[in-house]
Amino acid sequence: MYKIGVIGDSESVIGFRAVGLDVFPCEDPAEAARLIRELAEGEYAIIYIMEGLAAQVEKEIDKYKDSRLPAIIPIPNKEGASGNGMRNVREAVKRAVGADILFGGNDK
């Protein structure tokens, strides 16, 4: 059975625990890169990572870009978002449900 993990600052990831996801509080890019490798080698099909941290470990994330698993998806964190995280969530929802869903605004 595959798992879903969330990597990011503790304030942003703690809520994901309530819905049953595995959370990995982390703010250090080197630690985040290590966690990505560890989760990718484990049973994780999806790894969500806060977009600020994802920007700092792009090279590590790119290693898995062409792999079937895991899907590594940057998501917005508590400080707000550049828009990339929300676009990634939107695209994932679009693929899953077959329709575009607009999330609270005119995000292009």
Foldseek 3Di string as FASTA:
>chain_A
DAAEEEEEACVFCVVVVVVPHHYDHDDDLVVVLVVVVVNQVPRHQEYEYAPVSCVVNVVSQVVCPPPNDRHYAHAHGDVGDPLRRVVRVQVVVCVVPVDGDDDDDDRD
